[in-house]
Amino acid sequence: NELLQAALDYADLGYRVFPLHPGSKLPATERGCLDATSDSDAITETWSKAAYNIGIATDGLLIIDIDGKSNPWLRDEQEKAFDLLNCPIVITPRGGSHRYYKQPTDTTYGNTASAIAAGVDTRADGGYVAAPPSNLEAGGG
């Protein structure tokens, strides 16, 4: 099961994961990202029940979510600056990207929608992102 293995791999890297409904980025648990875990036994038990997509709780992380590959906020100079930081980058189904950063220990961040720029969101404490190889069907993400 590719999704189970990916969820276990994320947990091995220190990420806390939780199930999202198949074909969606909606939580499949009552408490959503509050149910996230890195416990391999719990992950195996959960993902053996269905082909759940993978949610990663973003507490302690700062994810820059850039919508659309033609987003004007993403210019050559900024792209180069991001690349210099050598952060993990995930290309989203609609051509945008998620850029993963660890939060500094002396600061906490929350979730925003288009506060940095139009179509640029953040996910941090109290939030989550859908992670590869999740299958986000049309209209699901």
Protein backbone atom coordinates (compact mmCIF):
# COMPACT_ATOMS: atom_id res chain seq x y z
CA ASN A 1 0.00 0.00 0.00
CA GLU A 2 1.73 3.14 -1.27
CA LEU A 3 -0.19 5.51 1.02
CA LEU A 4 0.53 3.43 4.13
CA GLN A 5 4.24 3.28 3.28
CA ALA A 6 4.36 7.03 2.65
CA ALA A 7 2.58 7.74 5.95
CA LEU A 8 5.13 5.55 7.75
CA ASP A 9 7.99 7.27 5.92
CA TYR A 10 6.71 10.70 6.99
CA ALA A 11 6.45 9.49 10.59
CA ASP A 12 10.03 8.18 10.40
CA LEU A 13 11.09 11.69 9.36
CA GLY A 14 9.39 13.12 12.46
CA TYR A 15 6.16 14.35 10.88
CA ARG A 16 2.83 13.61 12.59
CA VAL A 17 0.25 12.23 10.16
CA PHE A 18 -3.48 11.56 10.16
CA PRO A 19 -5.94 10.17 7.61
CA LEU A 20 -7.79 12.27 5.06
CA HIS A 21 -10.83 10.90 3.22
CA PRO A 22 -9.84 9.07 0.01
CA GLY A 23 -9.80 11.49 -2.93
CA SER A 24 -10.04 14.50 -0.60
CA LYS A 25 -8.11 16.75 1.73
CA LEU A 26 -10.85 16.60 4.38
CA PRO A 27 -9.95 14.87 7.67
CA ALA A 28 -11.26 11.33 8.14
CA THR A 29 -11.16 11.66 11.93
CA GLU A 30 -13.38 13.67 14.22
CA ARG A 31 -10.55 15.86 15.51
CA GLY A 32 -8.60 16.18 12.26
CA CYS A 33 -4.98 17.25 12.73
CA LEU A 34 -5.36 16.94 16.51
CA ASP A 35 -5.41 13.17 15.90
CA ALA A 36 -2.05 13.24 14.10
CA THR A 37 0.56 10.75 15.25
CA SER A 38 4.00 9.43 14.42
CA ASP A 39 3.26 6.05 16.06
CA SER A 40 3.90 3.40 13.40
CA ASP A 41 1.48 0.86 14.91
CA ALA A 42 -1.38 3.38 14.95
CA ILE A 43 -0.56 4.47 11.39
CA THR A 44 -0.48 0.88 10.15
CA GLU A 45 -3.80 0.10 11.84
CA THR A 46 -5.50 3.20 10.40
CA TRP A 47 -4.21 2.92 6.82
CA SER A 48 -4.98 -0.82 6.70
CA LYS A 49 -8.70 0.08 6.88
CA ALA A 50 -8.84 2.23 3.71
CA ALA A 51 -6.73 4.01 1.09
CA TYR A 52 -6.71 7.21 3.10
CA ASN A 53 -4.92 10.27 1.84
CA ILE A 54 -2.22 11.64 4.13
CA GLY A 55 -2.51 14.75 6.24
CA ILE A 56 0.57 16.21 7.91
CA ALA A 57 -0.01 18.32 11.03
CA THR A 58 1.99 21.52 10.62
CA ASP A 59 2.62 22.34 14.29
CA GLY A 60 6.25 23.43 14.54
CA LEU A 61 6.44 23.88 10.77
CA LEU A 62 5.82 26.84 8.51
CA ILE A 63 4.44 25.84 5.12
CA ILE A 64 4.29 28.50 2.42
CA ASP A 65 1.42 27.49 0.12
CA ILE A 66 1.70 29.21 -3.26
CA ASP A 67 -1.40 28.70 -5.38
CA GLY A 68 -0.92 28.25 -9.14
CA LYS A 69 2.28 27.95 -11.12
CA SER A 70 1.77 31.39 -12.67
CA ASN A 71 1.32 33.15 -9.32
CA PRO A 72 2.89 36.62 -9.78
CA TRP A 73 4.37 36.48 -6.27
CA LEU A 74 6.80 33.85 -7.49
CA ARG A 75 9.43 35.72 -9.47
CA ASP A 76 12.86 34.56 -10.57
CA GLU A 77 14.67 36.31 -7.71
CA GLN A 78 12.31 34.85 -5.13
CA GLU A 79 12.50 31.40 -6.69
CA LYS A 80 16.28 31.54 -6.49
CA ALA A 81 16.12 32.67 -2.86
CA PHE A 82 13.84 29.74 -1.99
CA ASP A 83 16.18 27.33 -3.76
CA LEU A 84 19.15 28.68 -1.80
CA LEU A 85 17.35 27.82 1.42
CA ASN A 86 17.21 24.21 0.25
CA CYS A 87 13.76 23.55 1.66
CA PRO A 88 11.57 20.56 0.73
CA ILE A 89 9.13 21.57 -2.03
CA VAL A 90 5.96 19.73 -3.05
CA ILE A 91 4.22 20.58 -6.33
CA THR A 92 0.47 20.60 -5.77
CA PRO A 93 -2.12 19.12 -8.19
CA ARG A 94 -3.00 22.54 -9.65
CA GLY A 95 0.62 23.56 -10.26
CA GLY A 96 1.25 25.50 -7.07
CA SER A 97 3.71 24.50 -4.39
CA HIS A 98 4.15 23.87 -0.69
CA ARG A 99 7.52 24.91 0.75
CA TYR A 100 8.37 23.31 4.10
CA TYR A 101 10.30 25.16 6.80
CA LYS A 102 10.87 24.45 10.47
CA GLN A 103 9.64 27.25 12.74
CA PRO A 104 12.29 29.06 14.77
CA THR A 105 12.11 27.97 18.41
CA ASP A 106 11.53 31.51 19.70
CA THR A 107 8.51 32.24 17.49
CA THR A 108 5.19 30.61 16.70
CA TYR A 109 3.21 31.01 13.52
CA GLY A 110 -0.43 30.53 12.65
CA ASN A 111 -2.40 29.91 9.49
CA THR A 112 -3.12 32.67 6.98
CA ALA A 113 -4.96 33.06 3.70
CA SER A 114 -3.55 35.55 1.16
CA ALA A 115 -1.95 37.65 3.94
CA ILE A 116 1.53 37.56 2.36
CA ALA A 117 0.20 38.09 -1.16
CA ALA A 118 -2.80 37.05 -3.25
CA GLY A 119 -2.83 33.27 -3.52
CA VAL A 120 -0.06 32.79 -0.94
CA ASP A 121 -1.17 31.09 2.28
CA THR A 122 0.66 29.76 5.31
CA ARG A 123 0.04 26.63 7.32
CA ALA A 124 1.62 26.38 10.75
CA ASP A 125 0.47 25.69 14.30
CA GLY A 126 -3.05 24.26 14.28
CA GLY A 127 -3.03 23.54 10.55
CA TYR A 128 -2.28 20.76 8.12
CA VAL A 129 -1.46 19.99 4.50
CA ALA A 130 -2.28 17.04 2.26
CA ALA A 131 0.94 15.23 1.43
CA PRO A 132 2.07 13.14 -1.56
CA PRO A 133 1.15 10.60 -2.79
CA SER A 134 -2.38 11.62 -1.75
CA ASN A 135 -4.86 11.46 -4.61
CA LEU A 136 -6.87 14.68 -4.72
CA GLU A 137 -9.68 14.09 -7.21
CA ALA A 138 -11.32 16.93 -9.14
CA GLY A 139 -12.88 19.31 -6.66
CA GLY A 140 -11.19 17.61 -3.72
CA GLY A 141 -8.14 19.76 -3.40
